[in-house]
Amino acid sequence: MHKVKLQKIILAGLCAAIIFIGISLFRINLPAVVGRPFIHFGNTFAVIAVMILGFKYGACAAVLGLGLFDILNGYAATSWITMLEAVILAAVTALVFRAVHYQNNQVGKLYLVSLAAGLIKLVTSWLAGVIESLMVGTHLSVAVINAFLSLPAAAINSGATFIIVPLIYLALEKTILKRMRL
């Protein structure tokens, strides 16, 4: 029992570092009306962390990795929004992963999980854009439109999550996850 818990804590820390690196090293900035969005792989790695570790430890990894990036890279004022998005992403991912009763090599079910993760990320990114726009004093109707116009980066990230998550998870399943008992 204690060995499994320690193993999950260590893996959550490793996943948080991978999420942080997935944002830091592979980032393409995009112009937007609200915020400073960019294409990255942080959300993709956050989804994989949740699928491997479950909600509790996966959400911790996502919050640490995504939140720490924001705090250290000029997004501290809105890092709380990113962390909240990470918890919602983790909850939806864990819920759908459990609901589909995934067994090894069920690629279709992996794509359902990654589709749900991508869609919820679009919704939370839009809501985050509305909140950020309201934080600077924009009227609600303008904030809603500005947030929508700022979604291209989120759409690209969501598409990448949809495509990449099942591929990485299957590769991990055939290698590392085969040896681990979490």
C-alpha atoms as a PDB file:
ATOM      1  CA  MET A   1       0.000   0.000   0.000  1.00  0.00           C
ATOM      2  CA  HIS A   2       2.650   2.530   1.035  1.00  0.00           C
ATOM      3  CA  LYS A   3       4.887   1.465  -1.842  1.00  0.00           C
ATOM      4  CA  VAL A   4       2.117   2.142  -4.395  1.00  0.00           C
ATOM      5  CA  LYS A   5       1.346   5.541  -2.827  1.00  0.00           C
ATOM      6  CA  LEU A   6       5.022   6.530  -2.880  1.00  0.00           C
ATOM      7  CA  GLN A   7       5.291   5.319  -6.469  1.00  0.00           C
ATOM      8  CA  LYS A   8       2.287   7.466  -7.462  1.00  0.00           C
ATOM      9  CA  ILE A   9       3.723  10.532  -5.721  1.00  0.00           C
ATOM     10  CA  ILE A  10       7.040  10.087  -7.520  1.00  0.00           C
ATOM     11  CA  LEU A  11       5.300   9.560 -10.862  1.00  0.00           C
ATOM     12  CA  ALA A  12       3.075  12.601 -10.269  1.00  0.00           C
ATOM     13  CA  GLY A  13       6.199  14.704  -9.731  1.00  0.00           C
ATOM     14  CA  LEU A  14       7.763  13.272 -12.877  1.00  0.00           C
ATOM     15  CA  CYS A  15       4.568  13.931 -14.844  1.00  0.00           C
ATOM     16  CA  ALA A  16       4.435  17.518 -13.530  1.00  0.00           C
ATOM     17  CA  ALA A  17       7.990  18.020 -14.784  1.00  0.00           C
ATOM     18  CA  ILE A  18       7.109  16.522 -18.178  1.00  0.00           C
ATOM     19  CA  ILE A  19       4.038  18.768 -18.425  1.00  0.00           C
ATOM     20  CA  PHE A  20       6.166  21.811 -17.566  1.00  0.00           C
ATOM     21  CA  ILE A  21       8.763  20.823 -20.176  1.00  0.00           C
ATOM     22  CA  GLY A  22       6.001  20.070 -22.695  1.00  0.00           C
ATOM     23  CA  ILE A  23       4.973  23.712 -22.457  1.00  0.00           C
ATOM     24  CA  SER A  24       8.403  25.284 -22.079  1.00  0.00           C
ATOM     25  CA  LEU A  25      10.231  23.624 -24.944  1.00  0.00           C
ATOM     26  CA  PHE A  26       7.507  23.098 -27.511  1.00  0.00           C
ATOM     27  CA  ARG A  27       5.688  26.419 -27.674  1.00  0.00           C
ATOM     28  CA  ILE A  28       4.446  28.472 -30.621  1.00  0.00           C
ATOM     29  CA  ASN A  29       2.899  31.833 -29.726  1.00  0.00           C
ATOM     30  CA  LEU A  30      -0.237  32.945 -31.564  1.00  0.00           C
ATOM     31  CA  PRO A  31      -1.869  36.367 -31.810  1.00  0.00           C
ATOM     32  CA  ALA A  32      -5.159  36.713 -29.954  1.00  0.00           C
ATOM     33  CA  VAL A  33      -7.653  39.301 -28.784  1.00  0.00           C
ATOM     34  CA  VAL A  34      -7.541  37.987 -25.199  1.00  0.00           C
ATOM     35  CA  GLY A  35      -4.462  36.709 -23.390  1.00  0.00           C
ATOM     36  CA  ARG A  36      -1.266  35.414 -24.942  1.00  0.00           C
ATOM     37  CA  PRO A  37      -2.173  31.912 -26.174  1.00  0.00           C
ATOM     38  CA  PHE A  38       0.275  29.472 -27.659  1.00  0.00           C
ATOM     39  CA  ILE A  39       0.393  25.958 -29.032  1.00  0.00           C
ATOM     40  CA  HIS A  40       1.999  23.460 -26.617  1.00  0.00           C
ATOM     41  CA  PHE A  41       1.886  19.864 -25.406  1.00  0.00           C
ATOM     42  CA  GLY A  42       1.218  20.525 -21.720  1.00  0.00           C
ATOM     43  CA  ASN A  43      -2.461  19.559 -21.895  1.00  0.00           C
ATOM     44  CA  THR A  44      -1.630  16.401 -23.835  1.00  0.00           C
ATOM     45  CA  PHE A  45       0.787  15.287 -21.118  1.00  0.00           C
ATOM     46  CA  ALA A  46      -1.719  16.290 -18.415  1.00  0.00           C
ATOM     47  CA  VAL A  47      -4.349  13.986 -19.933  1.00  0.00           C
ATOM     48  CA  ILE A  48      -1.874  11.118 -20.092  1.00  0.00           C
ATOM     49  CA  ALA A  49      -0.888  11.720 -16.450  1.00  0.00           C
ATOM     50  CA  VAL A  50      -4.530  11.438 -15.392  1.00  0.00           C
ATOM     51  CA  MET A  51      -5.019   8.251 -17.420  1.00  0.00           C
ATOM     52  CA  ILE A  52      -1.963   6.668 -15.787  1.00  0.00           C
ATOM     53  CA  LEU A  53      -2.304   7.969 -12.223  1.00  0.00           C
ATOM     54  CA  GLY A  54      -6.025   8.560 -11.814  1.00  0.00           C
ATOM     55  CA  PHE A  55      -7.755  11.799 -10.885  1.00  0.00           C
ATOM     56  CA  LYS A  56      -6.075  12.667  -7.588  1.00  0.00           C
ATOM     57  CA  TYR A  57      -2.434  12.268  -8.561  1.00  0.00           C
ATOM     58  CA  GLY A  58      -2.977  13.165 -12.217  1.00  0.00           C
ATOM     59  CA  ALA A  59      -4.741  16.398 -11.274  1.00  0.00           C
ATOM     60  CA  CYS A  60      -1.908  17.273  -8.889  1.00  0.00           C
ATOM     61  CA  ALA A  61       0.618  16.721 -11.683  1.00  0.00           C
ATOM     62  CA  ALA A  62      -1.430  18.841 -14.102  1.00  0.00           C
ATOM     63  CA  VAL A  63      -1.924  21.668 -11.610  1.00  0.00           C
ATOM     64  CA  LEU A  64       1.765  21.680 -10.676  1.00  0.00           C
ATOM     65  CA  GLY A  65       3.080  21.480 -14.233  1.00  0.00           C
ATOM     66  CA  LEU A  66       0.680  23.943 -15.850  1.00  0.00           C
ATOM     67  CA  GLY A  67       0.442  26.268 -12.855  1.00  0.00           C
ATOM     68  CA  LEU A  68       4.182  26.443 -12.256  1.00  0.00           C
ATOM     69  CA  PHE A  69       4.765  27.271 -15.905  1.00  0.00           C
ATOM     70  CA  ASP A  70       2.308  30.167 -15.682  1.00  0.00           C
ATOM     71  CA  ILE A  71       3.785  31.506 -12.453  1.00  0.00           C
ATOM     72  CA  LEU A  72       7.351  31.412 -13.777  1.00  0.00           C
ATOM     73  CA  ASN A  73       6.629  32.760 -17.263  1.00  0.00           C
ATOM     74  CA  GLY A  74       4.658  35.974 -16.862  1.00  0.00           C
ATOM     75  CA  TYR A  75       1.165  34.544 -16.441  1.00  0.00           C
ATOM     76  CA  ALA A  76       1.048  34.656 -12.616  1.00  0.00           C
ATOM     77  CA  ALA A  77      -2.034  36.921 -12.496  1.00  0.00           C
ATOM     78  CA  THR A  78      -4.116  34.311 -14.298  1.00  0.00           C
ATOM     79  CA  SER A  79      -2.345  31.154 -13.098  1.00  0.00           C
ATOM     80  CA  TRP A  80      -5.291  30.411 -10.819  1.00  0.00           C
ATOM     81  CA  ILE A  81      -7.480  30.098 -13.911  1.00  0.00           C
ATOM     82  CA  THR A  82      -5.019  27.681 -15.514  1.00  0.00           C
ATOM     83  CA  MET A  83      -4.945  25.576 -12.350  1.00  0.00           C
ATOM     84  CA  LEU A  84      -8.736  25.493 -12.206  1.00  0.00           C
ATOM     85  CA  GLU A  85      -8.808  24.468 -15.879  1.00  0.00           C
ATOM     86  CA  ALA A  86      -6.323  21.692 -15.069  1.00  0.00           C
ATOM     87  CA  VAL A  87      -8.584  20.305 -12.328  1.00  0.00           C
ATOM     88  CA  ILE A  88     -11.606  20.365 -14.649  1.00  0.00           C
ATOM     89  CA  LEU A  89      -9.593  18.713 -17.440  1.00  0.00           C
ATOM     90  CA  ALA A  90      -8.406  16.035 -15.004  1.00  0.00           C
ATOM     91  CA  ALA A  91     -11.929  15.412 -13.689  1.00  0.00           C
ATOM     92  CA  VAL A  92     -13.444  14.995 -17.153  1.00  0.00           C
ATOM     93  CA  THR A  93     -10.559  12.822 -18.335  1.00  0.00           C
ATOM     94  CA  ALA A  94     -10.753  10.556 -15.273  1.00  0.00           C
ATOM     95  CA  LEU A  95     -14.546  10.330 -15.471  1.00  0.00           C
ATOM     96  CA  VAL A  96     -14.599   9.397 -19.166  1.00  0.00           C
ATOM     97  CA  PHE A  97     -11.612   7.022 -18.840  1.00  0.00           C
ATOM     98  CA  ARG A  98     -13.437   5.193 -16.051  1.00  0.00           C
ATOM     99  CA  ALA A  99     -16.802   5.309 -17.852  1.00  0.00           C
ATOM    100  CA  VAL A 100     -15.501   3.632 -21.024  1.00  0.00           C
ATOM    101  CA  HIS A 101     -14.002   0.746 -18.992  1.00  0.00           C
ATOM    102  CA  TYR A 102     -10.795   0.845 -20.987  1.00  0.00           C
ATOM    103  CA  GLN A 103      -8.877  -2.405 -21.461  1.00  0.00           C
ATOM    104  CA  ASN A 104      -5.497  -2.757 -23.185  1.00  0.00           C
ATOM    105  CA  ASN A 105      -5.360  -1.793 -26.868  1.00  0.00           C
ATOM    106  CA  GLN A 106      -8.898  -0.424 -27.168  1.00  0.00           C
ATOM    107  CA  VAL A 107      -7.910   2.435 -29.450  1.00  0.00           C
ATOM    108  CA  GLY A 108     -11.465   3.656 -30.033  1.00  0.00           C
ATOM    109  CA  LYS A 109     -12.001   4.149 -26.304  1.00  0.00           C
ATOM    110  CA  LEU A 110      -8.726   6.051 -26.045  1.00  0.00           C
ATOM    111  CA  TYR A 111      -9.933   8.384 -28.780  1.00  0.00           C
ATOM    112  CA  LEU A 112     -13.220   8.908 -26.894  1.00  0.00           C
ATOM    113  CA  VAL A 113     -11.251   9.926 -23.806  1.00  0.00           C
ATOM    114  CA  SER A 114      -8.990  12.266 -25.772  1.00  0.00           C
ATOM    115  CA  LEU A 115     -12.001  13.747 -27.611  1.00  0.00           C
ATOM    116  CA  ALA A 116     -13.698  14.510 -24.286  1.00  0.00           C
ATOM    117  CA  ALA A 117     -10.457  16.046 -22.972  1.00  0.00           C
ATOM    118  CA  GLY A 118     -10.072  18.168 -26.107  1.00  0.00           C
ATOM    119  CA  LEU A 119     -13.664  19.381 -25.995  1.00  0.00           C
ATOM    120  CA  ILE A 120     -13.567  20.296 -22.311  1.00  0.00           C
ATOM    121  CA  LYS A 121     -10.302  22.159 -22.922  1.00  0.00           C
ATOM    122  CA  LEU A 122     -12.042  24.225 -25.621  1.00  0.00           C
ATOM    123  CA  VAL A 123     -14.857  25.077 -23.221  1.00  0.00           C
ATOM    124  CA  THR A 124     -12.566  25.936 -20.309  1.00  0.00           C
ATOM    125  CA  SER A 125     -10.277  27.993 -22.565  1.00  0.00           C
ATOM    126  CA  TRP A 126     -13.257  30.002 -23.773  1.00  0.00           C
ATOM    127  CA  LEU A 127     -14.442  30.532 -20.185  1.00  0.00           C
ATOM    128  CA  ALA A 128     -10.910  31.493 -19.134  1.00  0.00           C
ATOM    129  CA  GLY A 129     -10.828  34.015 -21.975  1.00  0.00           C
ATOM    130  CA  VAL A 130     -14.114  35.512 -20.797  1.00  0.00           C
ATOM    131  CA  ILE A 131     -12.784  35.771 -17.226  1.00  0.00           C
ATOM    132  CA  GLU A 132      -9.482  37.301 -18.359  1.00  0.00           C
ATOM    133  CA  SER A 133     -11.315  39.819 -20.516  1.00  0.00           C
ATOM    134  CA  LEU A 134     -13.628  40.736 -17.625  1.00  0.00           C
ATOM    135  CA  MET A 135     -10.596  41.113 -15.331  1.00  0.00           C
ATOM    136  CA  VAL A 136      -9.352  44.009 -17.473  1.00  0.00           C
ATOM    137  CA  GLY A 137     -12.733  45.745 -17.422  1.00  0.00           C
ATOM    138  CA  THR A 138     -14.331  44.580 -20.661  1.00  0.00           C
ATOM    139  CA  HIS A 139     -18.138  44.353 -20.808  1.00  0.00           C
ATOM    140  CA  LEU A 140     -19.541  40.819 -20.736  1.00  0.00           C
ATOM    141  CA  SER A 141     -20.842  40.807 -24.324  1.00  0.00           C
ATOM    142  CA  VAL A 142     -17.463  41.969 -25.649  1.00  0.00           C
ATOM    143  CA  ALA A 143     -15.634  39.505 -23.371  1.00  0.00           C
ATOM    144  CA  VAL A 144     -17.666  36.602 -24.764  1.00  0.00           C
ATOM    145  CA  ILE A 145     -16.822  37.556 -28.356  1.00  0.00           C
ATOM    146  CA  ASN A 146     -13.160  38.300 -27.613  1.00  0.00           C
ATOM    147  CA  ALA A 147     -12.764  34.944 -25.878  1.00  0.00           C
ATOM    148  CA  PHE A 148     -14.273  33.174 -28.875  1.00  0.00           C
ATOM    149  CA  LEU A 149     -11.935  35.001 -31.268  1.00  0.00           C
ATOM    150  CA  SER A 150      -8.977  33.889 -29.131  1.00  0.00           C
ATOM    151  CA  LEU A 151      -9.719  30.153 -29.416  1.00  0.00           C
ATOM    152  CA  PRO A 152      -7.447  29.101 -32.329  1.00  0.00           C
ATOM    153  CA  ALA A 153      -4.572  28.076 -30.029  1.00  0.00           C
ATOM    154  CA  ALA A 154      -6.953  26.088 -27.818  1.00  0.00           C
ATOM    155  CA  ALA A 155      -8.465  24.421 -30.897  1.00  0.00           C
ATOM    156  CA  ILE A 156      -5.027  23.409 -32.177  1.00  0.00           C
ATOM    157  CA  ASN A 157      -4.002  22.150 -28.711  1.00  0.00           C
ATOM    158  CA  SER A 158      -7.267  20.213 -28.435  1.00  0.00           C
ATOM    159  CA  GLY A 159      -6.747  18.668 -31.860  1.00  0.00           C
ATOM    160  CA  ALA A 160      -3.208  17.672 -30.932  1.00  0.00           C
ATOM    161  CA  THR A 161      -4.483  16.166 -27.683  1.00  0.00           C
ATOM    162  CA  PHE A 162      -7.087  14.164 -29.607  1.00  0.00           C
ATOM    163  CA  ILE A 163      -4.502  12.746 -32.011  1.00  0.00           C
ATOM    164  CA  ILE A 164      -1.463  12.334 -29.763  1.00  0.00           C
ATOM    165  CA  VAL A 165      -2.863  11.053 -26.439  1.00  0.00           C
ATOM    166  CA  PRO A 166      -3.966   7.621 -27.737  1.00  0.00           C
ATOM    167  CA  LEU A 167      -0.674   7.134 -29.583  1.00  0.00           C
ATOM    168  CA  ILE A 168       1.477   7.958 -26.558  1.00  0.00           C
ATOM    169  CA  TYR A 169      -0.749   5.977 -24.194  1.00  0.00           C
ATOM    170  CA  LEU A 170      -0.580   2.888 -26.418  1.00  0.00           C
ATOM    171  CA  ALA A 171       3.216   3.195 -26.601  1.00  0.00           C
ATOM    172  CA  LEU A 172       3.426   3.514 -22.805  1.00  0.00           C
ATOM    173  CA  GLU A 173       1.042   0.610 -22.377  1.00  0.00           C
ATOM    174  CA  LYS A 174       3.292  -1.658 -24.433  1.00  0.00           C
ATOM    175  CA  THR A 175       6.418  -0.598 -22.529  1.00  0.00           C
ATOM    176  CA  ILE A 176       6.475   1.128 -19.148  1.00  0.00           C
ATOM    177  CA  LEU A 177       2.880   0.566 -18.002  1.00  0.00           C
ATOM    178  CA  LYS A 178       3.208  -3.160 -18.630  1.00  0.00           C
ATOM    179  CA  ARG A 179       5.783  -3.349 -15.812  1.00  0.00           C
ATOM    180  CA  MET A 180       4.063  -0.981 -13.366  1.00  0.00           C
ATOM    181  CA  ARG A 181       1.337  -1.882 -10.946  1.00  0.00           C
ATOM    182  CA  LEU A 182      -0.502   1.283  -9.884  1.00  0.00           C
END
